[in-house]
Amino acid sequence: MYTPNHFKEERPEILHAAMARIGLATLVVHGEAGLEASQIPMVLDAGASPLTLNGHVARANPIWKRASGEALAVFLGPHAYV
């Protein structure tokens, strides 16, 4: 994702704190039908090696059955566009 230098945040402690504060991520997965996204509550386990995101997906949400391979979790914080 393109991010201008003056908006970049690369310090792990700041990013981890943001994930903990926000708690809700858009989980994007790729399955047979293509890309799919769902809002998922997530908790970062920063003590795990490697870092682990734990989330809850409702049994009725088919995303857990269709996903395969890698996934992307997007935590949205305060934002504005001018």
PDB file of N, CA and C in Angstrom:
ATOM      1  N   MET A   1       0.844  -1.167   0.000  1.00  0.00           N
ATOM      2  CA  MET A   1       0.000   0.000   0.000  1.00  0.00           C
ATOM      3  C   MET A   1       0.890   1.230   0.000  1.00  0.00           C
ATOM      4  N   TYR A   2       0.595   2.165  -0.842  1.00  0.00           N
ATOM      5  CA  TYR A   2       1.367   3.408  -0.875  1.00  0.00           C
ATOM      6  C   TYR A   2       1.027   4.249   0.339  1.00  0.00           C
ATOM      7  N   THR A   3       2.040   4.631   1.073  1.00  0.00           N
ATOM      8  CA  THR A   3       1.887   5.524   2.216  1.00  0.00           C
ATOM      9  C   THR A   3       2.966   6.587   2.136  1.00  0.00           C
ATOM     10  N   PRO A   4       2.589   7.872   2.010  1.00  0.00           N
ATOM     11  CA  PRO A   4       3.600   8.923   1.991  1.00  0.00           C
ATOM     12  C   PRO A   4       4.435   8.879   3.275  1.00  0.00           C
ATOM     13  N   ASN A   5       5.708   9.213   3.181  1.00  0.00           N
ATOM     14  CA  ASN A   5       6.622   9.132   4.321  1.00  0.00           C
ATOM     15  C   ASN A   5       6.106   9.847   5.559  1.00  0.00           C
ATOM     16  N   HIS A   6       5.475  11.003   5.395  1.00  0.00           N
ATOM     17  CA  HIS A   6       5.033  11.754   6.573  1.00  0.00           C
ATOM     18  C   HIS A   6       3.825  11.111   7.262  1.00  0.00           C
ATOM     19  N   PHE A   7       3.226  10.073   6.690  1.00  0.00           N
ATOM     20  CA  PHE A   7       2.146   9.340   7.337  1.00  0.00           C
ATOM     21  C   PHE A   7       2.574   7.958   7.815  1.00  0.00           C
ATOM     22  N   LYS A   8       3.794   7.533   7.520  1.00  0.00           N
ATOM     23  CA  LYS A   8       4.254   6.188   7.877  1.00  0.00           C
ATOM     24  C   LYS A   8       4.470   6.055   9.378  1.00  0.00           C
ATOM     25  N   GLU A   9       4.087   4.910   9.885  1.00  0.00           N
ATOM     26  CA  GLU A   9       4.379   4.553  11.278  1.00  0.00           C
ATOM     27  C   GLU A   9       4.952   3.157  11.242  1.00  0.00           C
ATOM     28  N   GLU A  10       6.205   3.004  11.667  1.00  0.00           N
ATOM     29  CA  GLU A  10       6.871   1.702  11.603  1.00  0.00           C
ATOM     30  C   GLU A  10       7.337   1.191  12.955  1.00  0.00           C
ATOM     31  N   ARG A  11       7.084   1.945  14.026  1.00  0.00           N
ATOM     32  CA  ARG A  11       7.496   1.493  15.360  1.00  0.00           C
ATOM     33  C   ARG A  11       6.518   0.429  15.850  1.00  0.00           C
ATOM     34  N   PRO A  12       7.024  -0.794  16.091  1.00  0.00           N
ATOM     35  CA  PRO A  12       6.137  -1.894  16.491  1.00  0.00           C
ATOM     36  C   PRO A  12       5.296  -1.570  17.722  1.00  0.00           C
ATOM     37  N   GLU A  13       5.864  -0.918  18.718  1.00  0.00           N
ATOM     38  CA  GLU A  13       5.102  -0.650  19.943  1.00  0.00           C
ATOM     39  C   GLU A  13       3.909   0.266  19.677  1.00  0.00           C
ATOM     40  N   ILE A  14       4.049   1.217  18.762  1.00  0.00           N
ATOM     41  CA  ILE A  14       2.939   2.113  18.415  1.00  0.00           C
ATOM     42  C   ILE A  14       1.885   1.351  17.611  1.00  0.00           C
ATOM     43  N   LEU A  15       2.329   0.536  16.666  1.00  0.00           N
ATOM     44  CA  LEU A  15       1.404  -0.252  15.860  1.00  0.00           C
ATOM     45  C   LEU A  15       0.651  -1.274  16.712  1.00  0.00           C
ATOM     46  N   HIS A  16       1.334  -1.929  17.635  1.00  0.00           N
ATOM     47  CA  HIS A  16       0.687  -2.907  18.521  1.00  0.00           C
ATOM     48  C   HIS A  16      -0.344  -2.221  19.409  1.00  0.00           C
ATOM     49  N   ALA A  17      -0.001  -1.046  19.928  1.00  0.00           N
ATOM     50  CA  ALA A  17      -0.937  -0.292  20.775  1.00  0.00           C
ATOM     51  C   ALA A  17      -2.181   0.103  19.975  1.00  0.00           C
ATOM     52  N   ALA A  18      -1.998   0.480  18.717  1.00  0.00           N
ATOM     53  CA  ALA A  18      -3.141   0.844  17.871  1.00  0.00           C
ATOM     54  C   ALA A  18      -4.047  -0.362  17.649  1.00  0.00           C
ATOM     55  N   MET A  19      -3.464  -1.530  17.380  1.00  0.00           N
ATOM     56  CA  MET A  19      -4.269  -2.743  17.195  1.00  0.00           C
ATOM     57  C   MET A  19      -5.063  -3.065  18.461  1.00  0.00           C
ATOM     58  N   ALA A  20      -4.427  -2.913  19.616  1.00  0.00           N
ATOM     59  CA  ALA A  20      -5.106  -3.193  20.884  1.00  0.00           C
ATOM     60  C   ALA A  20      -6.243  -2.201  21.125  1.00  0.00           C
ATOM     61  N   ARG A  21      -6.013  -0.946  20.795  1.00  0.00           N
ATOM     62  CA  ARG A  21      -7.017   0.099  21.021  1.00  0.00           C
ATOM     63  C   ARG A  21      -8.200  -0.067  20.061  1.00  0.00           C
ATOM     64  N   ILE A  22      -7.925  -0.362  18.804  1.00  0.00           N
ATOM     65  CA  ILE A  22      -8.974  -0.455  17.790  1.00  0.00           C
ATOM     66  C   ILE A  22      -9.762  -1.755  17.936  1.00  0.00           C
ATOM     67  N   GLY A  23      -9.065  -2.889  17.998  1.00  0.00           N
ATOM     68  CA  GLY A  23      -9.701  -4.171  18.289  1.00  0.00           C
ATOM     69  C   GLY A  23     -10.543  -4.789  17.193  1.00  0.00           C
ATOM     70  N   LEU A  24     -10.928  -4.019  16.184  1.00  0.00           N
ATOM     71  CA  LEU A  24     -11.754  -4.550  15.106  1.00  0.00           C
ATOM     72  C   LEU A  24     -10.975  -4.413  13.805  1.00  0.00           C
ATOM     73  N   ALA A  25     -10.882  -5.496  13.057  1.00  0.00           N
ATOM     74  CA  ALA A  25     -10.123  -5.461  11.806  1.00  0.00           C
ATOM     75  C   ALA A  25     -10.999  -5.937  10.659  1.00  0.00           C
ATOM     76  N   THR A  26     -10.681  -5.455   9.477  1.00  0.00           N
ATOM     77  CA  THR A  26     -11.269  -6.002   8.270  1.00  0.00           C
ATOM     78  C   THR A  26     -10.355  -7.138   7.836  1.00  0.00           C
ATOM     79  N   LEU A  27     -10.859  -8.344   7.884  1.00  0.00           N
ATOM     80  CA  LEU A  27     -10.092  -9.519   7.503  1.00  0.00           C
ATOM     81  C   LEU A  27     -10.372  -9.803   6.036  1.00  0.00           C
ATOM     82  N   VAL A  28      -9.327  -9.787   5.223  1.00  0.00           N
ATOM     83  CA  VAL A  28      -9.454 -10.038   3.788  1.00  0.00           C
ATOM     84  C   VAL A  28      -8.767 -11.367   3.488  1.00  0.00           C
ATOM     85  N   VAL A  29      -9.516 -12.273   2.881  1.00  0.00           N
ATOM     86  CA  VAL A  29      -8.985 -13.592   2.537  1.00  0.00           C
ATOM     87  C   VAL A  29      -9.242 -13.864   1.069  1.00  0.00           C
ATOM     88  N   HIS A  30      -8.549 -14.868   0.543  1.00  0.00           N
ATOM     89  CA  HIS A  30      -8.757 -15.276  -0.842  1.00  0.00           C
ATOM     90  C   HIS A  30      -9.159 -16.740  -0.853  1.00  0.00           C
ATOM     91  N   GLY A  31     -10.263 -16.998  -1.496  1.00  0.00           N
ATOM     92  CA  GLY A  31     -10.742 -18.371  -1.621  1.00  0.00           C
ATOM     93  C   GLY A  31     -11.087 -18.673  -3.068  1.00  0.00           C
ATOM     94  N   GLU A  32     -11.808 -19.743  -3.283  1.00  0.00           N
ATOM     95  CA  GLU A  32     -12.166 -20.145  -4.646  1.00  0.00           C
ATOM     96  C   GLU A  32     -12.986 -19.087  -5.369  1.00  0.00           C
ATOM     97  N   ALA A  33     -13.810 -18.351  -4.631  1.00  0.00           N
ATOM     98  CA  ALA A  33     -14.682 -17.342  -5.246  1.00  0.00           C
ATOM     99  C   ALA A  33     -13.987 -15.989  -5.387  1.00  0.00           C
ATOM    100  N   GLY A  34     -12.733 -15.889  -4.987  1.00  0.00           N
ATOM    101  CA  GLY A  34     -12.006 -14.621  -5.064  1.00  0.00           C
ATOM    102  C   GLY A  34     -11.817 -14.000  -3.693  1.00  0.00           C
ATOM    103  N   LEU A  35     -11.654 -12.685  -3.668  1.00  0.00           N
ATOM    104  CA  LEU A  35     -11.437 -11.978  -2.405  1.00  0.00           C
ATOM    105  C   LEU A  35     -12.736 -11.838  -1.634  1.00  0.00           C
ATOM    106  N   GLU A  36     -12.615 -11.928  -0.312  1.00  0.00           N
ATOM    107  CA  GLU A  36     -13.762 -11.756   0.571  1.00  0.00           C
ATOM    108  C   GLU A  36     -13.281 -11.034   1.822  1.00  0.00           C
ATOM    109  N   ALA A  37     -14.121 -10.165   2.370  1.00  0.00           N
ATOM    110  CA  ALA A  37     -13.744  -9.391   3.558  1.00  0.00           C
ATOM    111  C   ALA A  37     -14.857  -9.441   4.596  1.00  0.00           C
ATOM    112  N   SER A  38     -14.468  -9.449   5.864  1.00  0.00           N
ATOM    113  CA  SER A  38     -15.406  -9.416   6.983  1.00  0.00           C
ATOM    114  C   SER A  38     -14.801  -8.608   8.116  1.00  0.00           C
ATOM    115  N   GLN A  39     -15.654  -7.958   8.891  1.00  0.00           N
ATOM    116  CA  GLN A  39     -15.220  -7.266  10.100  1.00  0.00           C
ATOM    117  C   GLN A  39     -15.100  -8.308  11.212  1.00  0.00           C
ATOM    118  N   ILE A  40     -13.910  -8.397  11.819  1.00  0.00           N
ATOM    119  CA  ILE A  40     -13.629  -9.428  12.812  1.00  0.00           C
ATOM    120  C   ILE A  40     -12.990  -8.782  14.039  1.00  0.00           C
ATOM    121  N   PRO A  41     -13.497  -9.049  15.262  1.00  0.00           N
ATOM    122  CA  PRO A  41     -12.785  -8.588  16.455  1.00  0.00           C
ATOM    123  C   PRO A  41     -11.486  -9.381  16.582  1.00  0.00           C
ATOM    124  N   MET A  42     -10.382  -8.668  16.831  1.00  0.00           N
ATOM    125  CA  MET A  42      -9.078  -9.335  16.892  1.00  0.00           C
ATOM    126  C   MET A  42      -8.255  -8.832  18.061  1.00  0.00           C
ATOM    127  N   VAL A  43      -7.427  -9.742  18.587  1.00  0.00           N
ATOM    128  CA  VAL A  43      -6.513  -9.430  19.681  1.00  0.00           C
ATOM    129  C   VAL A  43      -5.117  -9.873  19.258  1.00  0.00           C
ATOM    130  N   LEU A  44      -4.149  -8.992  19.430  1.00  0.00           N
ATOM    131  CA  LEU A  44      -2.760  -9.305  19.107  1.00  0.00           C
ATOM    132  C   LEU A  44      -2.114 -10.021  20.281  1.00  0.00           C
ATOM    133  N   ASP A  45      -1.487 -11.156  20.010  1.00  0.00           N
ATOM    134  CA  ASP A  45      -0.680 -11.847  21.018  1.00  0.00           C
ATOM    135  C   ASP A  45       0.771 -11.503  20.705  1.00  0.00           C
ATOM    136  N   ALA A  46       1.245 -10.374  21.262  1.00  0.00           N
ATOM    137  CA  ALA A  46       2.591  -9.883  20.976  1.00  0.00           C
ATOM    138  C   ALA A  46       3.659 -10.768  21.611  1.00  0.00           C
ATOM    139  N   GLY A  47       3.287 -11.604  22.577  1.00  0.00           N
ATOM    140  CA  GLY A  47       4.242 -12.496  23.218  1.00  0.00           C
ATOM    141  C   GLY A  47       4.499 -13.772  22.446  1.00  0.00           C
ATOM    142  N   ALA A  48       3.654 -14.043  21.471  1.00  0.00           N
ATOM    143  CA  ALA A  48       3.819 -15.260  20.671  1.00  0.00           C
ATOM    144  C   ALA A  48       4.950 -15.073  19.667  1.00  0.00           C
ATOM    145  N   SER A  49       5.566 -16.163  19.286  1.00  0.00           N
ATOM    146  CA  SER A  49       6.621 -16.101  18.286  1.00  0.00           C
ATOM    147  C   SER A  49       6.298 -17.108  17.187  1.00  0.00           C
ATOM    148  N   PRO A  50       5.914 -16.668  16.015  1.00  0.00           N
ATOM    149  CA  PRO A  50       5.802 -15.280  15.584  1.00  0.00           C
ATOM    150  C   PRO A  50       4.556 -14.607  16.169  1.00  0.00           C
ATOM    151  N   LEU A  51       4.479 -13.280  16.004  1.00  0.00           N
ATOM    152  CA  LEU A  51       3.296 -12.541  16.457  1.00  0.00           C
ATOM    153  C   LEU A  51       2.048 -13.212  15.912  1.00  0.00           C
ATOM    154  N   THR A  52       0.988 -13.218  16.713  1.00  0.00           N
ATOM    155  CA  THR A  52      -0.231 -13.894  16.309  1.00  0.00           C
ATOM    156  C   THR A  52      -1.425 -12.985  16.524  1.00  0.00           C
ATOM    157  N   LEU A  53      -2.318 -12.943  15.554  1.00  0.00           N
ATOM    158  CA  LEU A  53      -3.607 -12.280  15.717  1.00  0.00           C
ATOM    159  C   LEU A  53      -4.644 -13.358  15.956  1.00  0.00           C
ATOM    160  N   ASN A  54      -5.393 -13.213  17.039  1.00  0.00           N
ATOM    161  CA  ASN A  54      -6.483 -14.133  17.330  1.00  0.00           C
ATOM    162  C   ASN A  54      -7.785 -13.389  17.111  1.00  0.00           C
ATOM    163  N   GLY A  55      -8.720 -14.021  16.435  1.00  0.00           N
ATOM    164  CA  GLY A  55      -9.998 -13.383  16.161  1.00  0.00           C
ATOM    165  C   GLY A  55     -11.139 -14.364  16.311  1.00  0.00           C
ATOM    166  N   HIS A  56     -12.339 -13.815  16.260  1.00  0.00           N
ATOM    167  CA  HIS A  56     -13.538 -14.644  16.362  1.00  0.00           C
ATOM    168  C   HIS A  56     -14.375 -14.459  15.111  1.00  0.00           C
ATOM    169  N   VAL A  57     -14.697 -15.571  14.481  1.00  0.00           N
ATOM    170  CA  VAL A  57     -15.576 -15.561  13.318  1.00  0.00           C
ATOM    171  C   VAL A  57     -16.816 -16.365  13.685  1.00  0.00           C
ATOM    172  N   ALA A  58     -17.983 -15.764  13.507  1.00  0.00           N
ATOM    173  CA  ALA A  58     -19.230 -16.463  13.796  1.00  0.00           C
ATOM    174  C   ALA A  58     -19.339 -17.712  12.919  1.00  0.00           C
ATOM    175  N   ARG A  59     -19.885 -18.758  13.473  1.00  0.00           N
ATOM    176  CA  ARG A  59     -20.046 -20.003  12.720  1.00  0.00           C
ATOM    177  C   ARG A  59     -20.868 -19.778  11.449  1.00  0.00           C
ATOM    178  N   ALA A  60     -21.812 -18.838  11.497  1.00  0.00           N
ATOM    179  CA  ALA A  60     -22.663 -18.556  10.338  1.00  0.00           C
ATOM    180  C   ALA A  60     -21.929 -17.776   9.252  1.00  0.00           C
ATOM    181  N   ASN A  61     -20.768 -17.190   9.566  1.00  0.00           N
ATOM    182  CA  ASN A  61     -19.994 -16.427   8.585  1.00  0.00           C
ATOM    183  C   ASN A  61     -19.170 -17.408   7.753  1.00  0.00           C
ATOM    184  N   PRO A  62     -19.442 -17.502   6.450  1.00  0.00           N
ATOM    185  CA  PRO A  62     -18.762 -18.503   5.625  1.00  0.00           C
ATOM    186  C   PRO A  62     -17.289 -18.199   5.344  1.00  0.00           C
ATOM    187  N   ILE A  63     -16.783 -17.063   5.773  1.00  0.00           N
ATOM    188  CA  ILE A  63     -15.393 -16.705   5.471  1.00  0.00           C
ATOM    189  C   ILE A  63     -14.412 -17.744   6.020  1.00  0.00           C
ATOM    190  N   TRP A  64     -14.725 -18.350   7.143  1.00  0.00           N
ATOM    191  CA  TRP A  64     -13.795 -19.311   7.742  1.00  0.00           C
ATOM    192  C   TRP A  64     -13.726 -20.611   6.948  1.00  0.00           C
ATOM    193  N   LYS A  65     -14.754 -20.906   6.165  1.00  0.00           N
ATOM    194  CA  LYS A  65     -14.747 -22.118   5.350  1.00  0.00           C
ATOM    195  C   LYS A  65     -14.087 -21.899   3.996  1.00  0.00           C
ATOM    196  N   ARG A  66     -14.164 -20.686   3.492  1.00  0.00           N
ATOM    197  CA  ARG A  66     -13.695 -20.409   2.138  1.00  0.00           C
ATOM    198  C   ARG A  66     -12.259 -19.933   2.057  1.00  0.00           C
ATOM    199  N   ALA A  67     -11.700 -19.510   3.185  1.00  0.00           N
ATOM    200  CA  ALA A  67     -10.351 -18.941   3.176  1.00  0.00           C
ATOM    201  C   ALA A  67      -9.295 -20.029   3.008  1.00  0.00           C
ATOM    202  N   SER A  68      -8.251 -19.667   2.272  1.00  0.00           N
ATOM    203  CA  SER A  68      -7.102 -20.559   2.172  1.00  0.00           C
ATOM    204  C   SER A  68      -5.856 -19.707   1.987  1.00  0.00           C
ATOM    205  N   GLY A  69      -4.766 -20.108   2.586  1.00  0.00           N
ATOM    206  CA  GLY A  69      -3.520 -19.368   2.429  1.00  0.00           C
ATOM    207  C   GLY A  69      -3.448 -18.123   3.285  1.00  0.00           C
ATOM    208  N   GLU A  70      -2.811 -17.105   2.744  1.00  0.00           N
ATOM    209  CA  GLU A  70      -2.567 -15.882   3.498  1.00  0.00           C
ATOM    210  C   GLU A  70      -3.829 -15.038   3.639  1.00  0.00           C
ATOM    211  N   ALA A  71      -3.797 -14.156   4.643  1.00  0.00           N
ATOM    212  CA  ALA A  71      -4.901 -13.230   4.881  1.00  0.00           C
ATOM    213  C   ALA A  71      -4.309 -11.870   5.227  1.00  0.00           C
ATOM    214  N   LEU A  72      -5.134 -10.842   5.118  1.00  0.00           N
ATOM    215  CA  LEU A  72      -4.735  -9.478   5.444  1.00  0.00           C
ATOM    216  C   LEU A  72      -5.710  -8.939   6.469  1.00  0.00           C
ATOM    217  N   ALA A  73      -5.200  -8.427   7.590  1.00  0.00           N
ATOM    218  CA  ALA A  73      -6.033  -7.792   8.609  1.00  0.00           C
ATOM    219  C   ALA A  73      -5.747  -6.298   8.580  1.00  0.00           C
ATOM    220  N   VAL A  74      -6.800  -5.498   8.373  1.00  0.00           N
ATOM    221  CA  VAL A  74      -6.664  -4.053   8.269  1.00  0.00           C
ATOM    222  C   VAL A  74      -7.353  -3.416   9.472  1.00  0.00           C
ATOM    223  N   PHE A  75      -6.565  -2.723  10.303  1.00  0.00           N
ATOM    224  CA  PHE A  75      -7.081  -2.007  11.456  1.00  0.00           C
ATOM    225  C   PHE A  75      -7.213  -0.541  11.063  1.00  0.00           C
ATOM    226  N   LEU A  76      -8.423  -0.017  11.027  1.00  0.00           N
ATOM    227  CA  LEU A  76      -8.637   1.370  10.631  1.00  0.00           C
ATOM    228  C   LEU A  76      -8.737   2.253  11.852  1.00  0.00           C
ATOM    229  N   GLY A  77      -7.897   3.249  11.907  1.00  0.00           N
ATOM    230  CA  GLY A  77      -7.939   4.209  13.005  1.00  0.00           C
ATOM    231  C   GLY A  77      -8.549   5.506  12.526  1.00  0.00           C
ATOM    232  N   PRO A  78      -8.346   6.566  13.284  1.00  0.00           N
ATOM    233  CA  PRO A  78      -8.871   7.865  12.857  1.00  0.00           C
ATOM    234  C   PRO A  78      -8.303   8.214  11.472  1.00  0.00           C
ATOM    235  N   HIS A  79      -9.130   8.793  10.640  1.00  0.00           N
ATOM    236  CA  HIS A  79      -8.680   9.128   9.314  1.00  0.00           C
ATOM    237  C   HIS A  79      -9.469  10.325   8.761  1.00  0.00           C
ATOM    238  N   ALA A  80      -8.897  10.963   7.807  1.00  0.00           N
ATOM    239  CA  ALA A  80      -9.542  12.068   7.092  1.00  0.00           C
ATOM    240  C   ALA A  80      -8.871  12.196   5.741  1.00  0.00           C
ATOM    241  N   TYR A  81      -9.588  12.667   4.781  1.00  0.00           N
ATOM    242  CA  TYR A  81      -9.023  12.858   3.455  1.00  0.00           C
ATOM    243  C   TYR A  81      -9.367  14.260   2.995  1.00  0.00           C
ATOM    244  N   VAL A  82      -8.368  14.972   2.549  1.00  0.00           N
ATOM    245  CA  VAL A  82      -8.590  16.343   2.079  1.00  0.00           C
ATOM    246  C   VAL A  82      -8.324  16.399   0.604  1.00  0.00           C
TER     247      VAL A  82
END
